[in-house]
Amino acid sequence: MKFSELAPRERHNFVYFLLFFFFYYFIMSAYFPFFRCGWRTLTI
């Protein structure tokens, strides 16, 4: 499936899925090692 073969509506859905994939996996994986440090200071 080529990107140019998609209908405009499907192309928008595909872009939204890529944005969700980027934000969820890349940013959360970059933030996750520091999550326990921040959580420990918040609970204390």
Protein backbone atom coordinates (compact mmCIF):
# COMPACT_ATOMS: atom_id res chain seq x y z
CA MET A 1 0.00 0.00 0.00
CA LYS A 2 1.49 3.27 -1.11
CA PHE A 3 0.85 6.48 0.80
CA SER A 4 -0.43 8.22 -2.34
CA GLU A 5 -3.05 5.50 -2.93
CA LEU A 6 -4.94 6.40 0.23
CA ALA A 7 -8.06 8.53 0.13
CA PRO A 8 -7.73 11.93 1.86
CA ARG A 9 -9.80 10.76 4.84
CA GLU A 10 -7.76 7.58 5.23
CA ARG A 11 -4.59 9.61 4.91
CA HIS A 12 -5.70 11.82 7.81
CA ASN A 13 -6.45 8.77 9.93
CA PHE A 14 -3.06 7.33 9.08
CA VAL A 15 -1.31 10.56 10.08
CA TYR A 16 -3.25 10.66 13.36
CA PHE A 17 -2.21 7.07 14.04
CA LEU A 18 1.44 7.93 13.37
CA LEU A 19 1.22 10.93 15.70
CA PHE A 20 -0.31 8.76 18.43
CA PHE A 21 2.36 6.10 17.89
CA PHE A 22 5.13 8.73 18.07
CA PHE A 23 3.85 10.45 21.19
CA TYR A 24 2.97 7.27 23.05
CA TYR A 25 6.03 5.15 22.37
CA PHE A 26 8.81 7.68 21.84
CA ILE A 27 7.99 10.30 24.45
CA MET A 28 6.75 7.88 27.11
CA SER A 29 9.79 5.64 26.61
CA ALA A 30 12.03 8.69 26.92
CA TYR A 31 10.25 9.78 30.13
CA PHE A 32 9.81 6.34 31.75
CA PRO A 33 13.32 5.98 33.30
CA PHE A 34 12.72 9.18 35.27
CA PHE A 35 9.20 8.27 36.33
CA ARG A 36 10.17 6.44 39.53
CA CYS A 37 12.36 9.32 40.70
CA GLY A 38 9.55 11.82 40.25
CA TRP A 39 6.98 9.45 41.75
CA ARG A 40 9.13 8.83 44.82
CA THR A 41 9.58 12.54 45.48
CA LEU A 42 5.84 13.11 45.04
CA THR A 43 4.82 10.37 47.49
CA ILE A 44 7.30 11.54 50.14
